[in-house]
Amino acid sequence: MENEELKMDKKNSVIFLLSMLVIICIWIFTYAIWDFTGKRLSHRVLTKILEFSTFIISICYVRINKIKRDDMGLNTTNITNVIIKNIIFSALFIVILALIKFILINTSFNFFNTNKPFWNWNVMSWSRWIYPITVFMQQFLIHGVVHESLNKILEGKNKTFVVIIIAALYFGAIHIHKGLGYMLGACAMCIVLCMVYRKQRTIWGISISHYLLGMAAKFLGYI
């Protein structure tokens, strides 16, 4: 009986991941059309369309397969400790980002616009105000659903490495409309958060890290 349940679980995970593959293929064509027609819509609008469509499919997948809360990254065990650790981790990482910027703007490398403040509060837009919702949706999709689905399907001694790389590539690829630099940054952040998720098995802490790092990167001018 348990064997049958595991087989069904794997089958459902494969079906879901195939649907995610179809979505990202459609998304690439959507991006190509958007680019060809002169990028008439804001890239922020495109991001929201993608997030909500994949989130709805993820919710349907969870409901149909009656997946338990703890099996999709929503575990709240020891949550206070997890949140505190992730806030400290995020604060240290933000300090590192600020130091890197300080070093770069004092060299000939002109990656940053020196006419703008070092920490620019004026970059807030409507997408920043709803960013907490965006962060939760992305973390639920990448870790609570994609990460966990891959974890059920893949086997072997390199399983963890492969799961993290696939999840990171997926996360980077869906940001194609933001440009190569943004895609690479998204991949790098996802790899770090994947490793944290493997230890914590909950998206609550990494959602806070994602939010803090994303906002800091924007204020500092990295994105």
N, C-alpha and C. Protein backbone atom coordinates (compact mmCIF):
# COMPACT_ATOMS: atom_id res chain seq x y z
N MET A 1 0.83 -1.21 0.00
CA MET A 1 0.00 0.00 0.00
C MET A 1 0.87 1.26 0.00
N GLU A 2 1.89 1.24 0.86
CA GLU A 2 2.80 2.39 0.94
C GLU A 2 3.55 2.57 -0.37
N ASN A 3 3.93 1.46 -1.01
CA ASN A 3 4.61 1.52 -2.29
C ASN A 3 3.75 2.19 -3.35
N GLU A 4 2.47 1.83 -3.36
CA GLU A 4 1.52 2.41 -4.31
C GLU A 4 1.37 3.91 -4.10
N GLU A 5 1.33 4.31 -2.84
CA GLU A 5 1.21 5.74 -2.51
C GLU A 5 2.43 6.52 -2.98
N LEU A 6 3.61 5.92 -2.79
CA LEU A 6 4.84 6.57 -3.23
C LEU A 6 4.88 6.71 -4.74
N LYS A 7 4.42 5.65 -5.43
CA LYS A 7 4.38 5.70 -6.89
C LYS A 7 3.44 6.78 -7.38
N MET A 8 2.27 6.87 -6.74
CA MET A 8 1.30 7.89 -7.11
C MET A 8 1.83 9.29 -6.83
N ASP A 9 2.53 9.41 -5.70
CA ASP A 9 3.14 10.69 -5.31
C ASP A 9 4.15 11.14 -6.36
N LYS A 10 4.99 10.20 -6.81
CA LYS A 10 6.00 10.50 -7.81
C LYS A 10 5.34 10.88 -9.14
N LYS A 11 4.30 10.11 -9.50
CA LYS A 11 3.60 10.37 -10.75
C LYS A 11 2.99 11.77 -10.76
N ASN A 12 2.35 12.14 -9.65
CA ASN A 12 1.74 13.47 -9.54
C ASN A 12 2.80 14.58 -9.60
N SER A 13 3.95 14.32 -8.98
CA SER A 13 5.04 15.29 -8.99
C SER A 13 5.58 15.48 -10.40
N VAL A 14 5.69 14.38 -11.15
CA VAL A 14 6.15 14.46 -12.54
C VAL A 14 5.17 15.26 -13.38
N ILE A 15 3.88 15.00 -13.21
CA ILE A 15 2.85 15.73 -13.97
C ILE A 15 2.93 17.22 -13.67
N PHE A 16 3.11 17.55 -12.39
CA PHE A 16 3.19 18.96 -12.01
C PHE A 16 4.42 19.63 -12.64
N LEU A 17 5.56 18.96 -12.56
CA LEU A 17 6.79 19.54 -13.11
C LEU A 17 6.71 19.69 -14.63
N LEU A 18 6.02 18.75 -15.27
CA LEU A 18 5.80 18.88 -16.72
C LEU A 18 4.93 20.10 -17.03
N SER A 19 3.94 20.34 -16.18
CA SER A 19 3.09 21.52 -16.38
C SER A 19 3.90 22.80 -16.17
N MET A 20 4.85 22.78 -15.23
CA MET A 20 5.73 23.92 -15.01
C MET A 20 6.63 24.14 -16.22
N LEU A 21 7.07 23.03 -16.85
CA LEU A 21 7.89 23.12 -18.06
C LEU A 21 7.10 23.76 -19.19
N VAL A 22 5.84 23.35 -19.34
CA VAL A 22 4.97 23.94 -20.37
C VAL A 22 4.79 25.43 -20.12
N ILE A 23 4.58 25.80 -18.85
CA ILE A 23 4.38 27.21 -18.50
C ILE A 23 5.60 28.04 -18.86
N ILE A 24 6.79 27.53 -18.54
CA ILE A 24 7.99 28.33 -18.81
C ILE A 24 8.25 28.42 -20.31
N CYS A 25 7.86 27.39 -21.08
CA CYS A 25 7.98 27.46 -22.54
C CYS A 25 7.04 28.54 -23.09
N ILE A 26 5.80 28.54 -22.60
CA ILE A 26 4.83 29.57 -23.00
C ILE A 26 5.34 30.95 -22.60
N TRP A 27 5.96 31.00 -21.42
CA TRP A 27 6.48 32.28 -20.91
C TRP A 27 7.59 32.83 -21.81
N ILE A 28 8.45 31.97 -22.31
CA ILE A 28 9.54 32.41 -23.19
C ILE A 28 8.97 32.97 -24.49
N PHE A 29 7.93 32.31 -25.03
CA PHE A 29 7.28 32.82 -26.24
C PHE A 29 6.59 34.15 -25.95
N THR A 30 5.97 34.25 -24.76
CA THR A 30 5.33 35.51 -24.36
C THR A 30 6.35 36.63 -24.29
N TYR A 31 7.51 36.32 -23.72
CA TYR A 31 8.59 37.31 -23.64
C TYR A 31 9.03 37.74 -25.04
N ALA A 32 9.17 36.76 -25.96
CA ALA A 32 9.61 37.07 -27.32
C ALA A 32 8.61 38.00 -28.02
N ILE A 33 7.32 37.73 -27.84
CA ILE A 33 6.27 38.58 -28.43
C ILE A 33 6.31 39.97 -27.79
N TRP A 34 6.46 40.01 -26.48
CA TRP A 34 6.55 41.28 -25.73
C TRP A 34 7.72 42.12 -26.24
N ASP A 35 8.85 41.46 -26.43
CA ASP A 35 10.05 42.14 -26.91
C ASP A 35 9.87 42.61 -28.36
N PHE A 36 9.25 41.75 -29.19
CA PHE A 36 9.05 42.06 -30.61
C PHE A 36 8.10 43.24 -30.80
N THR A 37 7.10 43.36 -29.94
CA THR A 37 6.10 44.43 -30.07
C THR A 37 6.50 45.72 -29.35
N GLY A 38 7.74 45.78 -28.89
CA GLY A 38 8.23 47.02 -28.30
C GLY A 38 8.04 47.15 -26.81
N LYS A 39 7.83 46.05 -26.13
CA LYS A 39 7.71 46.04 -24.66
C LYS A 39 6.66 47.04 -24.17
N ARG A 40 5.46 46.91 -24.72
CA ARG A 40 4.40 47.86 -24.41
C ARG A 40 3.92 47.76 -22.96
N LEU A 41 3.97 46.57 -22.40
CA LEU A 41 3.61 46.39 -20.99
C LEU A 41 4.84 46.52 -20.12
N SER A 42 4.67 47.00 -18.90
CA SER A 42 5.76 47.07 -17.95
C SER A 42 6.22 45.66 -17.59
N HIS A 43 7.53 45.49 -17.37
CA HIS A 43 8.03 44.17 -16.97
C HIS A 43 7.48 43.77 -15.61
N ARG A 44 7.08 44.75 -14.80
CA ARG A 44 6.48 44.44 -13.50
C ARG A 44 5.13 43.76 -13.69
N VAL A 45 4.37 44.21 -14.69
CA VAL A 45 3.06 43.60 -14.98
C VAL A 45 3.26 42.16 -15.44
N LEU A 46 4.26 41.95 -16.31
CA LEU A 46 4.55 40.59 -16.78
C LEU A 46 4.90 39.67 -15.62
N THR A 47 5.69 40.18 -14.69
CA THR A 47 6.08 39.39 -13.52
C THR A 47 4.86 38.93 -12.74
N LYS A 48 3.93 39.85 -12.52
CA LYS A 48 2.73 39.52 -11.74
C LYS A 48 1.86 38.48 -12.47
N ILE A 49 1.75 38.60 -13.79
CA ILE A 49 0.97 37.63 -14.57
C ILE A 49 1.56 36.24 -14.40
N LEU A 50 2.88 36.13 -14.52
CA LEU A 50 3.55 34.83 -14.38
C LEU A 50 3.37 34.27 -12.97
N GLU A 51 3.59 35.12 -11.96
CA GLU A 51 3.51 34.66 -10.58
C GLU A 51 2.13 34.14 -10.24
N PHE A 52 1.11 34.89 -10.61
CA PHE A 52 -0.25 34.48 -10.25
C PHE A 52 -0.69 33.23 -11.01
N SER A 53 -0.29 33.10 -12.27
CA SER A 53 -0.68 31.91 -13.04
C SER A 53 -0.03 30.66 -12.46
N THR A 54 1.27 30.73 -12.16
CA THR A 54 1.96 29.56 -11.60
C THR A 54 1.50 29.28 -10.17
N PHE A 55 1.17 30.32 -9.43
CA PHE A 55 0.68 30.14 -8.06
C PHE A 55 -0.66 29.42 -8.04
N ILE A 56 -1.55 29.80 -8.97
CA ILE A 56 -2.86 29.16 -9.05
C ILE A 56 -2.71 27.67 -9.38
N ILE A 57 -1.82 27.36 -10.34
CA ILE A 57 -1.58 25.96 -10.70
C ILE A 57 -1.01 25.18 -9.52
N SER A 58 -0.11 25.83 -8.77
CA SER A 58 0.48 25.19 -7.59
C SER A 58 -0.58 24.88 -6.54
N ILE A 59 -1.47 25.83 -6.31
CA ILE A 59 -2.55 25.65 -5.33
C ILE A 59 -3.46 24.49 -5.76
N CYS A 60 -3.78 24.45 -7.05
CA CYS A 60 -4.62 23.35 -7.57
C CYS A 60 -3.93 22.01 -7.36
N TYR A 61 -2.62 21.98 -7.63
CA TYR A 61 -1.84 20.75 -7.44
C TYR A 61 -1.88 20.30 -5.98
N VAL A 62 -1.70 21.24 -5.07
CA VAL A 62 -1.70 20.93 -3.63
C VAL A 62 -3.07 20.44 -3.19
N ARG A 63 -4.13 21.11 -3.65
CA ARG A 63 -5.49 20.73 -3.23
C ARG A 63 -5.90 19.37 -3.80
N ILE A 64 -5.62 19.15 -5.07
CA ILE A 64 -6.01 17.89 -5.72
C ILE A 64 -5.31 16.69 -5.07
N ASN A 65 -4.02 16.89 -4.75
CA ASN A 65 -3.23 15.79 -4.18
C ASN A 65 -3.24 15.77 -2.66
N LYS A 66 -3.99 16.71 -2.06
CA LYS A 66 -4.15 16.77 -0.61
C LYS A 66 -2.81 16.68 0.14
N ILE A 67 -1.89 17.54 -0.30
CA ILE A 67 -0.55 17.54 0.29
C ILE A 67 -0.60 18.21 1.66
N LYS A 68 0.08 17.61 2.63
CA LYS A 68 0.10 18.15 3.99
C LYS A 68 0.89 19.44 4.05
N ARG A 69 0.53 20.28 5.00
CA ARG A 69 1.17 21.59 5.17
C ARG A 69 2.68 21.47 5.33
N ASP A 70 3.12 20.53 6.15
CA ASP A 70 4.55 20.38 6.42
C ASP A 70 5.32 19.88 5.20
N ASP A 71 4.62 19.27 4.23
CA ASP A 71 5.27 18.75 3.04
C ASP A 71 5.35 19.77 1.90
N MET A 72 4.92 20.99 2.17
CA MET A 72 5.03 22.04 1.15
C MET A 72 5.64 23.31 1.73
N GLY A 73 6.51 23.13 2.72
CA GLY A 73 7.28 24.24 3.24
C GLY A 73 6.56 25.18 4.17
N LEU A 74 5.41 24.77 4.71
CA LEU A 74 4.64 25.65 5.58
C LEU A 74 4.73 25.24 7.05
N ASN A 75 5.73 24.46 7.37
CA ASN A 75 5.95 24.02 8.74
C ASN A 75 6.25 25.21 9.65
N THR A 76 5.63 25.25 10.83
CA THR A 76 5.85 26.37 11.76
C THR A 76 6.58 25.94 13.04
N THR A 77 7.12 24.72 13.04
CA THR A 77 7.86 24.25 14.21
C THR A 77 9.11 25.10 14.42
N ASN A 78 9.31 25.57 15.65
CA ASN A 78 10.50 26.37 16.01
C ASN A 78 10.62 27.61 15.13
N ILE A 79 9.47 28.17 14.73
CA ILE A 79 9.45 29.26 13.75
C ILE A 79 10.14 30.53 14.24
N THR A 80 10.02 30.83 15.55
CA THR A 80 10.65 32.05 16.08
C THR A 80 12.16 32.00 15.92
N ASN A 81 12.74 30.88 16.25
CA ASN A 81 14.18 30.70 16.12
C ASN A 81 14.63 30.80 14.66
N VAL A 82 13.84 30.22 13.77
CA VAL A 82 14.14 30.25 12.34
C VAL A 82 14.13 31.69 11.82
N ILE A 83 13.11 32.44 12.20
CA ILE A 83 12.98 33.83 11.74
C ILE A 83 14.14 34.69 12.24
N ILE A 84 14.49 34.53 13.52
CA ILE A 84 15.60 35.31 14.10
C ILE A 84 16.91 35.02 13.36
N LYS A 85 17.17 33.73 13.12
CA LYS A 85 18.39 33.34 12.41
C LYS A 85 18.44 33.94 11.01
N ASN A 86 17.31 33.93 10.31
CA ASN A 86 17.28 34.44 8.95
C ASN A 86 17.40 35.95 8.89
N ILE A 87 16.88 36.64 9.89
CA ILE A 87 17.03 38.10 9.95
C ILE A 87 18.50 38.45 10.15
N ILE A 88 19.17 37.74 11.06
CA ILE A 88 20.60 37.98 11.31
C ILE A 88 21.42 37.68 10.06
N PHE A 89 21.13 36.54 9.43
CA PHE A 89 21.81 36.16 8.19
C PHE A 89 21.62 37.23 7.11
N SER A 90 20.40 37.72 6.97
CA SER A 90 20.09 38.73 5.95
C SER A 90 20.81 40.03 6.24
N ALA A 91 20.84 40.43 7.51
CA ALA A 91 21.51 41.68 7.91
C ALA A 91 23.00 41.62 7.56
N LEU A 92 23.63 40.49 7.84
CA LEU A 92 25.06 40.32 7.52
C LEU A 92 25.29 40.39 6.02
N PHE A 93 24.40 39.78 5.26
CA PHE A 93 24.53 39.77 3.81
C PHE A 93 24.33 41.17 3.23
N ILE A 94 23.42 41.93 3.81
CA ILE A 94 23.18 43.31 3.36
C ILE A 94 24.41 44.17 3.62
N VAL A 95 25.05 43.98 4.77
CA VAL A 95 26.29 44.70 5.08
C VAL A 95 27.37 44.38 4.04
N ILE A 96 27.46 43.10 3.65
CA ILE A 96 28.43 42.69 2.63
C ILE A 96 28.13 43.37 1.30
N LEU A 97 26.85 43.42 0.91
CA LEU A 97 26.44 44.09 -0.33
C LEU A 97 26.82 45.57 -0.31
N ALA A 98 26.60 46.21 0.85
CA ALA A 98 26.93 47.63 0.99
C ALA A 98 28.44 47.85 0.89
N LEU A 99 29.22 46.96 1.51
CA LEU A 99 30.68 47.08 1.45
C LEU A 99 31.19 46.89 0.02
N ILE A 100 30.61 45.93 -0.69
CA ILE A 100 31.00 45.70 -2.09
C ILE A 100 30.72 46.94 -2.93
N LYS A 101 29.55 47.54 -2.71
CA LYS A 101 29.21 48.76 -3.45
C LYS A 101 30.18 49.88 -3.12
N PHE A 102 30.48 50.04 -1.84
CA PHE A 102 31.40 51.09 -1.41
C PHE A 102 32.76 50.93 -2.09
N ILE A 103 33.25 49.70 -2.17
CA ILE A 103 34.55 49.44 -2.80
C ILE A 103 34.48 49.74 -4.30
N LEU A 104 33.40 49.30 -4.94
CA LEU A 104 33.27 49.46 -6.39
C LEU A 104 33.16 50.92 -6.81
N ILE A 105 32.40 51.73 -6.04
CA ILE A 105 32.22 53.13 -6.44
C ILE A 105 33.48 53.95 -6.17
N ASN A 106 34.41 53.39 -5.43
CA ASN A 106 35.68 54.08 -5.19
C ASN A 106 36.80 53.54 -6.07
N THR A 107 36.40 52.80 -7.08
CA THR A 107 37.34 52.32 -8.10
C THR A 107 36.86 52.82 -9.45
N SER A 108 37.53 52.42 -10.49
CA SER A 108 37.15 52.85 -11.84
C SER A 108 35.98 52.06 -12.40
N PHE A 109 35.55 51.04 -11.67
CA PHE A 109 34.45 50.20 -12.15
C PHE A 109 33.13 50.94 -11.94
N ASN A 110 32.48 51.30 -13.04
CA ASN A 110 31.29 52.17 -12.96
C ASN A 110 29.98 51.40 -13.09
N PHE A 111 29.80 50.39 -12.26
CA PHE A 111 28.58 49.60 -12.29
C PHE A 111 27.40 50.40 -11.74
N PHE A 112 27.65 51.25 -10.74
CA PHE A 112 26.59 52.00 -10.07
C PHE A 112 26.51 53.43 -10.59
N ASN A 113 25.31 53.99 -10.54
CA ASN A 113 25.09 55.39 -10.90
C ASN A 113 25.46 56.27 -9.70
N THR A 114 26.58 56.94 -9.78
CA THR A 114 27.07 57.73 -8.65
C THR A 114 26.29 59.03 -8.44
N ASN A 115 25.39 59.35 -9.38
CA ASN A 115 24.56 60.55 -9.22
C ASN A 115 23.37 60.30 -8.28
N LYS A 116 23.17 59.04 -7.95
CA LYS A 116 22.07 58.68 -7.04
C LYS A 116 22.61 58.41 -5.65
N PRO A 117 21.76 58.53 -4.61
CA PRO A 117 22.22 58.27 -3.24
C PRO A 117 22.76 56.85 -3.08
N PHE A 118 23.67 56.67 -2.14
CA PHE A 118 24.25 55.34 -1.87
C PHE A 118 23.13 54.35 -1.53
N TRP A 119 22.21 54.78 -0.67
CA TRP A 119 21.03 53.98 -0.31
C TRP A 119 19.82 54.79 -0.76
N ASN A 120 19.21 54.41 -1.85
CA ASN A 120 18.19 55.23 -2.50
C ASN A 120 16.77 54.79 -2.13
N TRP A 121 16.12 55.59 -1.26
CA TRP A 121 14.75 55.27 -0.84
C TRP A 121 13.73 55.59 -1.94
N ASN A 122 14.15 56.35 -2.96
CA ASN A 122 13.21 56.86 -3.96
C ASN A 122 12.85 55.84 -5.06
N VAL A 123 13.26 54.61 -4.87
CA VAL A 123 12.97 53.59 -5.90
C VAL A 123 11.66 52.85 -5.62
N MET A 124 10.97 53.22 -4.56
CA MET A 124 9.72 52.54 -4.23
C MET A 124 8.68 52.74 -5.31
N SER A 125 8.02 51.67 -5.70
CA SER A 125 6.93 51.72 -6.68
C SER A 125 5.83 50.81 -6.18
N TRP A 126 4.73 50.72 -6.94
CA TRP A 126 3.61 49.88 -6.50
C TRP A 126 4.03 48.42 -6.34
N SER A 127 4.97 47.97 -7.19
CA SER A 127 5.41 46.58 -7.10
C SER A 127 6.20 46.31 -5.82
N ARG A 128 6.86 47.34 -5.30
CA ARG A 128 7.61 47.20 -4.04
C ARG A 128 6.66 47.07 -2.85
N TRP A 129 5.53 47.76 -2.92
CA TRP A 129 4.57 47.72 -1.81
C TRP A 129 3.89 46.37 -1.70
N ILE A 130 3.74 45.68 -2.81
CA ILE A 130 3.12 44.35 -2.75
C ILE A 130 4.19 43.25 -2.81
N TYR A 131 5.43 43.67 -2.65
CA TYR A 131 6.56 42.72 -2.72
C TYR A 131 6.45 41.58 -1.70
N PRO A 132 5.97 41.82 -0.47
CA PRO A 132 5.84 40.70 0.48
C PRO A 132 4.96 39.56 -0.06
N ILE A 133 3.89 39.92 -0.78
CA ILE A 133 3.02 38.91 -1.37
C ILE A 133 3.77 38.17 -2.48
N THR A 134 4.49 38.94 -3.30
CA THR A 134 5.29 38.37 -4.38
C THR A 134 6.31 37.37 -3.84
N VAL A 135 6.99 37.78 -2.77
CA VAL A 135 8.02 36.93 -2.16
C VAL A 135 7.42 35.62 -1.67
N PHE A 136 6.31 35.69 -0.97
CA PHE A 136 5.67 34.48 -0.46
C PHE A 136 5.27 33.55 -1.60
N MET A 137 4.68 34.11 -2.65
CA MET A 137 4.25 33.30 -3.79
C MET A 137 5.44 32.62 -4.46
N GLN A 138 6.54 33.36 -4.62
CA GLN A 138 7.72 32.79 -5.27
C GLN A 138 8.34 31.69 -4.42
N GLN A 139 8.44 31.92 -3.12
CA GLN A 139 9.04 30.91 -2.25
C GLN A 139 8.17 29.66 -2.14
N PHE A 140 6.87 29.86 -2.12
CA PHE A 140 5.96 28.71 -2.09
C PHE A 140 6.09 27.90 -3.37
N LEU A 141 6.17 28.60 -4.50
CA LEU A 141 6.30 27.92 -5.79
C LEU A 141 7.63 27.18 -5.91
N ILE A 142 8.73 27.90 -5.65
CA ILE A 142 10.06 27.33 -5.87
C ILE A 142 10.40 26.25 -4.85
N HIS A 143 10.13 26.50 -3.58
CA HIS A 143 10.54 25.55 -2.55
C HIS A 143 9.39 24.62 -2.10
N GLY A 144 8.25 25.23 -1.78
CA GLY A 144 7.14 24.43 -1.28
C GLY A 144 6.60 23.45 -2.30
N VAL A 145 6.74 23.77 -3.60
CA VAL A 145 6.17 22.90 -4.63
C VAL A 145 7.24 22.31 -5.56
N VAL A 146 7.98 23.17 -6.27
CA VAL A 146 8.98 22.66 -7.23
C VAL A 146 10.09 21.89 -6.50
N HIS A 147 10.67 22.51 -5.47
CA HIS A 147 11.75 21.88 -4.71
C HIS A 147 11.30 20.53 -4.12
N GLU A 148 10.12 20.54 -3.48
CA GLU A 148 9.62 19.32 -2.86
C GLU A 148 9.26 18.25 -3.90
N SER A 149 8.74 18.68 -5.05
CA SER A 149 8.40 17.72 -6.11
C SER A 149 9.65 17.06 -6.67
N LEU A 150 10.69 17.85 -6.90
CA LEU A 150 11.96 17.30 -7.38
C LEU A 150 12.55 16.34 -6.36
N ASN A 151 12.38 16.68 -5.10
CA ASN A 151 12.91 15.86 -4.01
C ASN A 151 12.28 14.46 -4.00
N LYS A 152 11.01 14.39 -4.41
CA LYS A 152 10.31 13.11 -4.44
C LYS A 152 10.71 12.26 -5.65
N ILE A 153 11.07 12.92 -6.74
CA ILE A 153 11.33 12.22 -8.00
C ILE A 153 12.78 11.75 -8.12
N LEU A 154 13.71 12.66 -7.81
CA LEU A 154 15.13 12.37 -8.04
C LEU A 154 15.72 11.45 -6.97
N GLU A 155 16.74 10.70 -7.37
CA GLU A 155 17.42 9.79 -6.46
C GLU A 155 18.93 9.86 -6.72
N GLY A 156 19.71 9.23 -5.85
CA GLY A 156 21.16 9.19 -6.04
C GLY A 156 21.90 10.08 -5.07
N LYS A 157 23.23 9.93 -5.02
CA LYS A 157 24.04 10.65 -4.04
C LYS A 157 24.14 12.14 -4.35
N ASN A 158 23.92 12.53 -5.61
CA ASN A 158 23.98 13.95 -5.99
C ASN A 158 22.60 14.60 -6.05
N LYS A 159 21.64 13.94 -5.46
CA LYS A 159 20.25 14.39 -5.52
C LYS A 159 20.09 15.84 -5.03
N THR A 160 20.64 16.15 -3.86
CA THR A 160 20.50 17.50 -3.28
C THR A 160 21.05 18.56 -4.21
N PHE A 161 22.24 18.31 -4.75
CA PHE A 161 22.88 19.25 -5.66
C PHE A 161 22.02 19.49 -6.90
N VAL A 162 21.52 18.41 -7.49
CA VAL A 162 20.70 18.50 -8.71
C VAL A 162 19.40 19.26 -8.44
N VAL A 163 18.75 18.96 -7.31
CA VAL A 163 17.50 19.65 -6.95
C VAL A 163 17.73 21.15 -6.83
N ILE A 164 18.80 21.53 -6.15
CA ILE A 164 19.10 22.96 -5.95
C ILE A 164 19.39 23.66 -7.28
N ILE A 165 20.19 23.02 -8.13
CA ILE A 165 20.55 23.64 -9.42
C ILE A 165 19.32 23.80 -10.31
N ILE A 166 18.47 22.76 -10.38
CA ILE A 166 17.27 22.85 -11.22
C ILE A 166 16.34 23.95 -10.72
N ALA A 167 16.13 24.00 -9.40
CA ALA A 167 15.26 25.03 -8.82
C ALA A 167 15.81 26.42 -9.10
N ALA A 168 17.14 26.58 -8.98
CA ALA A 168 17.77 27.88 -9.22
C ALA A 168 17.68 28.29 -10.69
N LEU A 169 17.89 27.33 -11.59
CA LEU A 169 17.78 27.62 -13.03
C LEU A 169 16.35 28.02 -13.40
N TYR A 170 15.39 27.32 -12.81
CA TYR A 170 13.98 27.65 -13.06
C TYR A 170 13.69 29.07 -12.58
N PHE A 171 14.14 29.39 -11.37
CA PHE A 171 13.89 30.71 -10.80
C PHE A 171 14.56 31.80 -11.64
N GLY A 172 15.77 31.52 -12.10
CA GLY A 172 16.45 32.50 -12.94
C GLY A 172 15.77 32.67 -14.29
N ALA A 173 15.33 31.55 -14.88
CA ALA A 173 14.73 31.58 -16.21
C ALA A 173 13.43 32.37 -16.26
N ILE A 174 12.63 32.30 -15.19
CA ILE A 174 11.35 33.01 -15.22
C ILE A 174 11.54 34.53 -15.12
N HIS A 175 12.78 34.96 -14.87
CA HIS A 175 13.08 36.40 -14.83
C HIS A 175 13.74 36.87 -16.13
N ILE A 176 13.50 36.16 -17.22
CA ILE A 176 14.11 36.49 -18.50
C ILE A 176 13.81 37.94 -18.94
N HIS A 177 12.62 38.42 -18.59
CA HIS A 177 12.21 39.75 -18.99
C HIS A 177 12.94 40.86 -18.22
N LYS A 178 13.68 40.47 -17.19
CA LYS A 178 14.42 41.44 -16.37
C LYS A 178 15.86 41.62 -16.85
N GLY A 179 16.33 40.76 -17.76
CA GLY A 179 17.69 40.86 -18.25
C GLY A 179 18.62 39.82 -17.64
N LEU A 180 19.77 39.61 -18.31
CA LEU A 180 20.70 38.57 -17.91
C LEU A 180 21.25 38.79 -16.49
N GLY A 181 21.61 40.02 -16.16
CA GLY A 181 22.16 40.31 -14.84
C GLY A 181 21.19 39.93 -13.73
N TYR A 182 19.94 40.27 -13.93
CA TYR A 182 18.90 39.95 -12.94
C TYR A 182 18.71 38.44 -12.83
N MET A 183 18.74 37.77 -13.98
CA MET A 183 18.58 36.30 -14.00
C MET A 183 19.69 35.61 -13.21
N LEU A 184 20.93 36.07 -13.42
CA LEU A 184 22.07 35.48 -12.71
C LEU A 184 21.98 35.75 -11.21
N GLY A 185 21.55 36.98 -10.87
CA GLY A 185 21.38 37.32 -9.46
C GLY A 185 20.29 36.48 -8.81
N ALA A 186 19.20 36.25 -9.56
CA ALA A 186 18.09 35.43 -9.04
C ALA A 186 18.55 33.99 -8.82
N CYS A 187 19.36 33.47 -9.76
CA CYS A 187 19.91 32.11 -9.62
C CYS A 187 20.78 32.00 -8.37
N ALA A 188 21.66 32.98 -8.20
CA ALA A 188 22.59 32.96 -7.06
C ALA A 188 21.84 33.01 -5.74
N MET A 189 20.84 33.91 -5.66
CA MET A 189 20.07 34.01 -4.42
C MET A 189 19.28 32.74 -4.16
N CYS A 190 18.74 32.15 -5.22
CA CYS A 190 17.95 30.92 -5.06
C CYS A 190 18.81 29.76 -4.56
N ILE A 191 20.05 29.69 -5.03
CA ILE A 191 20.95 28.63 -4.57
C ILE A 191 21.18 28.75 -3.06
N VAL A 192 21.44 29.98 -2.61
CA VAL A 192 21.66 30.21 -1.17
C VAL A 192 20.41 29.86 -0.37
N LEU A 193 19.25 30.33 -0.84
CA LEU A 193 18.01 30.07 -0.11
C LEU A 193 17.61 28.60 -0.17
N CYS A 194 17.97 27.91 -1.25
CA CYS A 194 17.71 26.47 -1.34
C CYS A 194 18.48 25.73 -0.26
N MET A 195 19.74 26.12 -0.06
CA MET A 195 20.56 25.47 0.95
C MET A 195 20.01 25.72 2.35
N VAL A 196 19.51 26.94 2.57
CA VAL A 196 18.90 27.25 3.86
C VAL A 196 17.61 26.45 4.04
N TYR A 197 16.83 26.35 2.97
CA TYR A 197 15.57 25.61 3.02
C TYR A 197 15.81 24.13 3.34
N ARG A 198 16.88 23.56 2.80
CA ARG A 198 17.19 22.15 3.07
C ARG A 198 17.39 21.91 4.56
N LYS A 199 17.89 22.91 5.26
CA LYS A 199 18.12 22.77 6.70
C LYS A 199 16.86 23.07 7.51
N GLN A 200 16.09 24.07 7.07
CA GLN A 200 14.95 24.54 7.87
C GLN A 200 13.63 23.88 7.49
N ARG A 201 13.49 23.47 6.23
CA ARG A 201 12.28 22.82 5.72
C ARG A 201 11.03 23.66 5.93
N THR A 202 11.19 24.96 5.83
CA THR A 202 10.05 25.87 5.91
C THR A 202 10.35 27.12 5.08
N ILE A 203 9.33 27.69 4.46
CA ILE A 203 9.56 28.86 3.61
C ILE A 203 9.44 30.18 4.38
N TRP A 204 8.99 30.12 5.64
CA TRP A 204 8.74 31.37 6.37
C TRP A 204 10.02 32.16 6.60
N GLY A 205 11.07 31.48 7.03
CA GLY A 205 12.33 32.18 7.28
C GLY A 205 12.97 32.69 6.01
N ILE A 206 13.01 31.86 4.95
CA ILE A 206 13.65 32.29 3.71
C ILE A 206 12.83 33.34 2.98
N SER A 207 11.53 33.39 3.25
CA SER A 207 10.70 34.45 2.66
C SER A 207 11.14 35.81 3.21
N ILE A 208 11.43 35.83 4.52
CA ILE A 208 11.92 37.07 5.13
C ILE A 208 13.27 37.45 4.55
N SER A 209 14.16 36.47 4.40
CA SER A 209 15.48 36.73 3.80
C SER A 209 15.35 37.24 2.37
N HIS A 210 14.48 36.60 1.60
CA HIS A 210 14.23 37.01 0.21
C HIS A 210 13.76 38.46 0.17
N TYR A 211 12.82 38.79 1.04
CA TYR A 211 12.28 40.16 1.07
C TYR A 211 13.36 41.18 1.43
N LEU A 212 14.09 40.93 2.51
CA LEU A 212 15.10 41.87 2.98
C LEU A 212 16.23 42.04 1.96
N LEU A 213 16.69 40.93 1.39
CA LEU A 213 17.78 41.00 0.41
C LEU A 213 17.31 41.66 -0.89
N GLY A 214 16.08 41.35 -1.30
CA GLY A 214 15.54 41.96 -2.51
C GLY A 214 15.38 43.47 -2.37
N MET A 215 14.86 43.91 -1.23
CA MET A 215 14.69 45.34 -1.00
C MET A 215 16.05 46.04 -0.89
N ALA A 216 16.99 45.42 -0.20
CA ALA A 216 18.32 46.01 -0.04
C ALA A 216 19.02 46.13 -1.40
N ALA A 217 18.90 45.10 -2.23
CA ALA A 217 19.51 45.13 -3.55
C ALA A 217 18.95 46.28 -4.39
N LYS A 218 17.64 46.53 -4.23
CA LYS A 218 16.99 47.63 -4.95
C LYS A 218 17.46 48.98 -4.41
N PHE A 219 17.48 49.14 -3.10
CA PHE A 219 17.89 50.41 -2.49
C PHE A 219 19.37 50.73 -2.79
N LEU A 220 20.19 49.68 -2.88
CA LEU A 220 21.61 49.88 -3.12
C LEU A 220 21.95 50.02 -4.61
N GLY A 221 20.97 49.76 -5.47
CA GLY A 221 21.17 49.94 -6.89
C GLY A 221 21.72 48.74 -7.65
N TYR A 222 21.66 47.58 -7.02
CA TYR A 222 22.11 46.37 -7.71
C TYR A 222 21.10 45.95 -8.79
N ILE A 223 19.82 46.23 -8.54
CA ILE A 223 18.77 45.87 -9.51
C ILE A 223 17.87 47.07 -9.76
